[in-house]
Amino acid sequence: MRSVAASLWAAAMIMLGLGLIFEGQTWFELPREVYLFAGISAVCGGQFVFMVLVADRLLKGVHRRSVVWTEALAFVSFLLGAGGAITVLTTGITA
């Protein structure tokens, strides 16, 4: 049951992220970069949630070092996306 809930949570984050990337500009009047960074952050966060809460339980035989590096890459991408969105919002710097 926990894997199903985590899968739905991850899918919701990924769908929200894709919505922000492709349709976000129609929601509010913010710079395009905010939606791109926030969308990337949501997609990477959804991937991280899925890897940590679902894939680790179902695929126990995977080499631990590769799992840690893959999860770390997804989490760092989540943080960079969130940081980029916050930076663009607070400073107003756009491309």
C-alpha atoms as a PDB file:
ATOM      1  CA  MET A   1       0.000   0.000   0.000  1.00  0.00           C
ATOM      2  CA  ARG A   2       2.858   2.367   0.788  1.00  0.00           C
ATOM      3  CA  SER A   3       4.380   1.802  -2.646  1.00  0.00           C
ATOM      4  CA  VAL A   4       1.080   2.652  -4.326  1.00  0.00           C
ATOM      5  CA  ALA A   5       0.728   5.881  -2.339  1.00  0.00           C
ATOM      6  CA  ALA A   6       4.331   6.844  -3.059  1.00  0.00           C
ATOM      7  CA  SER A   7       3.853   6.082  -6.757  1.00  0.00           C
ATOM      8  CA  LEU A   8       0.800   8.341  -6.878  1.00  0.00           C
ATOM      9  CA  TRP A   9       2.684  11.065  -5.011  1.00  0.00           C
ATOM     10  CA  ALA A  10       5.614  10.844  -7.438  1.00  0.00           C
ATOM     11  CA  ALA A  11       3.294  10.808 -10.456  1.00  0.00           C
ATOM     12  CA  ALA A  12       1.462  13.885  -9.163  1.00  0.00           C
ATOM     13  CA  MET A  13       4.748  15.754  -8.717  1.00  0.00           C
ATOM     14  CA  ILE A  14       5.908  14.804 -12.206  1.00  0.00           C
ATOM     15  CA  MET A  15       2.602  15.812 -13.791  1.00  0.00           C
ATOM     16  CA  LEU A  16       2.654  19.119 -11.926  1.00  0.00           C
ATOM     17  CA  GLY A  17       6.205  19.705 -13.113  1.00  0.00           C
ATOM     18  CA  LEU A  18       5.326  18.985 -16.722  1.00  0.00           C
ATOM     19  CA  GLY A  19       2.326  21.280 -16.407  1.00  0.00           C
ATOM     20  CA  LEU A  20       4.565  24.052 -15.079  1.00  0.00           C
ATOM     21  CA  ILE A  21       7.055  23.582 -17.896  1.00  0.00           C
ATOM     22  CA  PHE A  22       4.560  23.486 -20.764  1.00  0.00           C
ATOM     23  CA  GLU A  23       1.499  25.418 -19.522  1.00  0.00           C
ATOM     24  CA  GLY A  24       2.712  27.383 -16.512  1.00  0.00           C
ATOM     25  CA  GLN A  25       2.815  30.752 -18.213  1.00  0.00           C
ATOM     26  CA  THR A  26      -0.947  30.708 -18.662  1.00  0.00           C
ATOM     27  CA  TRP A  27      -1.534  30.358 -14.890  1.00  0.00           C
ATOM     28  CA  PHE A  28       0.125  33.504 -13.505  1.00  0.00           C
ATOM     29  CA  GLU A  29       2.121  36.406 -14.873  1.00  0.00           C
ATOM     30  CA  LEU A  30       5.613  35.361 -13.837  1.00  0.00           C
ATOM     31  CA  PRO A  31       8.800  35.110 -15.892  1.00  0.00           C
ATOM     32  CA  ARG A  32       9.045  31.995 -18.070  1.00  0.00           C
ATOM     33  CA  GLU A  33      12.238  30.951 -16.271  1.00  0.00           C
ATOM     34  CA  VAL A  34      10.390  30.598 -12.968  1.00  0.00           C
ATOM     35  CA  TYR A  35       8.078  28.006 -14.482  1.00  0.00           C
ATOM     36  CA  LEU A  36      10.946  26.162 -16.144  1.00  0.00           C
ATOM     37  CA  PHE A  37      12.998  25.956 -12.954  1.00  0.00           C
ATOM     38  CA  ALA A  38       9.986  25.066 -10.801  1.00  0.00           C
ATOM     39  CA  GLY A  39       8.872  22.434 -13.315  1.00  0.00           C
ATOM     40  CA  ILE A  40      12.308  20.860 -13.471  1.00  0.00           C
ATOM     41  CA  SER A  41      12.409  20.879  -9.681  1.00  0.00           C
ATOM     42  CA  ALA A  42       9.015  19.153  -9.431  1.00  0.00           C
ATOM     43  CA  VAL A  43       9.912  16.501 -12.018  1.00  0.00           C
ATOM     44  CA  CYS A  44      13.231  15.723 -10.320  1.00  0.00           C
ATOM     45  CA  GLY A  45      11.505  15.687  -6.932  1.00  0.00           C
ATOM     46  CA  GLY A  46       8.969  13.194  -8.231  1.00  0.00           C
ATOM     47  CA  GLN A  47      11.734  10.995  -9.557  1.00  0.00           C
ATOM     48  CA  PHE A  48      13.508  11.177  -6.208  1.00  0.00           C
ATOM     49  CA  VAL A  49      10.357  10.252  -4.295  1.00  0.00           C
ATOM     50  CA  PHE A  50       9.770   7.294  -6.591  1.00  0.00           C
ATOM     51  CA  MET A  51      13.371   6.081  -6.331  1.00  0.00           C
ATOM     52  CA  VAL A  52      13.540   6.358  -2.544  1.00  0.00           C
ATOM     53  CA  LEU A  53      10.092   5.089  -1.597  1.00  0.00           C
ATOM     54  CA  VAL A  54       9.261   2.611  -4.369  1.00  0.00           C
ATOM     55  CA  ALA A  55      12.281   1.469  -6.344  1.00  0.00           C
ATOM     56  CA  ASP A  56      14.427   0.793  -3.264  1.00  0.00           C
ATOM     57  CA  ARG A  57      11.737  -1.540  -1.923  1.00  0.00           C
ATOM     58  CA  LEU A  58      11.057  -3.381  -5.175  1.00  0.00           C
ATOM     59  CA  LEU A  59      14.607  -3.668  -6.533  1.00  0.00           C
ATOM     60  CA  LYS A  60      16.689  -4.790  -3.590  1.00  0.00           C
ATOM     61  CA  GLY A  61      19.465  -6.430  -5.617  1.00  0.00           C
ATOM     62  CA  VAL A  62      20.744  -3.268  -7.274  1.00  0.00           C
ATOM     63  CA  HIS A  63      24.311  -2.163  -6.536  1.00  0.00           C
ATOM     64  CA  ARG A  64      24.069   0.251  -3.601  1.00  0.00           C
ATOM     65  CA  ARG A  65      26.665   2.725  -4.876  1.00  0.00           C
ATOM     66  CA  SER A  66      24.800   3.261  -8.151  1.00  0.00           C
ATOM     67  CA  VAL A  67      21.537   3.727  -6.241  1.00  0.00           C
ATOM     68  CA  VAL A  68      23.073   6.373  -3.965  1.00  0.00           C
ATOM     69  CA  TRP A  69      24.584   8.293  -6.884  1.00  0.00           C
ATOM     70  CA  THR A  70      21.365   8.200  -8.891  1.00  0.00           C
ATOM     71  CA  GLU A  71      19.273   9.356  -5.949  1.00  0.00           C
ATOM     72  CA  ALA A  72      21.806  12.067  -5.125  1.00  0.00           C
ATOM     73  CA  LEU A  73      21.717  13.334  -8.717  1.00  0.00           C
ATOM     74  CA  ALA A  74      17.913  13.559  -8.650  1.00  0.00           C
ATOM     75  CA  PHE A  75      17.946  15.347  -5.283  1.00  0.00           C
ATOM     76  CA  VAL A  76      20.636  17.828  -6.341  1.00  0.00           C
ATOM     77  CA  SER A  77      18.669  18.533  -9.527  1.00  0.00           C
ATOM     78  CA  PHE A  78      15.594  19.158  -7.374  1.00  0.00           C
ATOM     79  CA  LEU A  79      17.517  21.606  -5.201  1.00  0.00           C
ATOM     80  CA  LEU A  80      19.060  23.414  -8.173  1.00  0.00           C
ATOM     81  CA  GLY A  81      15.668  23.792  -9.831  1.00  0.00           C
ATOM     82  CA  ALA A  82      14.103  25.156  -6.658  1.00  0.00           C
ATOM     83  CA  GLY A  83      17.058  27.466  -6.118  1.00  0.00           C
ATOM     84  CA  GLY A  84      16.845  28.714  -9.681  1.00  0.00           C
ATOM     85  CA  ALA A  85      13.123  29.450  -9.361  1.00  0.00           C
ATOM     86  CA  ILE A  86      13.637  31.305  -6.082  1.00  0.00           C
ATOM     87  CA  THR A  87      16.572  33.256  -7.523  1.00  0.00           C
ATOM     88  CA  VAL A  88      14.606  34.369 -10.571  1.00  0.00           C
ATOM     89  CA  LEU A  89      11.625  35.317  -8.381  1.00  0.00           C
ATOM     90  CA  THR A  90      13.651  37.360  -5.896  1.00  0.00           C
ATOM     91  CA  THR A  91      16.124  39.046  -8.250  1.00  0.00           C
ATOM     92  CA  GLY A  92      14.064  39.293 -11.420  1.00  0.00           C
ATOM     93  CA  ILE A  93      17.008  38.176 -13.548  1.00  0.00           C
ATOM     94  CA  THR A  94      15.788  36.516 -16.745  1.00  0.00           C
ATOM     95  CA  ALA A  95      17.498  35.322 -19.911  1.00  0.00           C
END
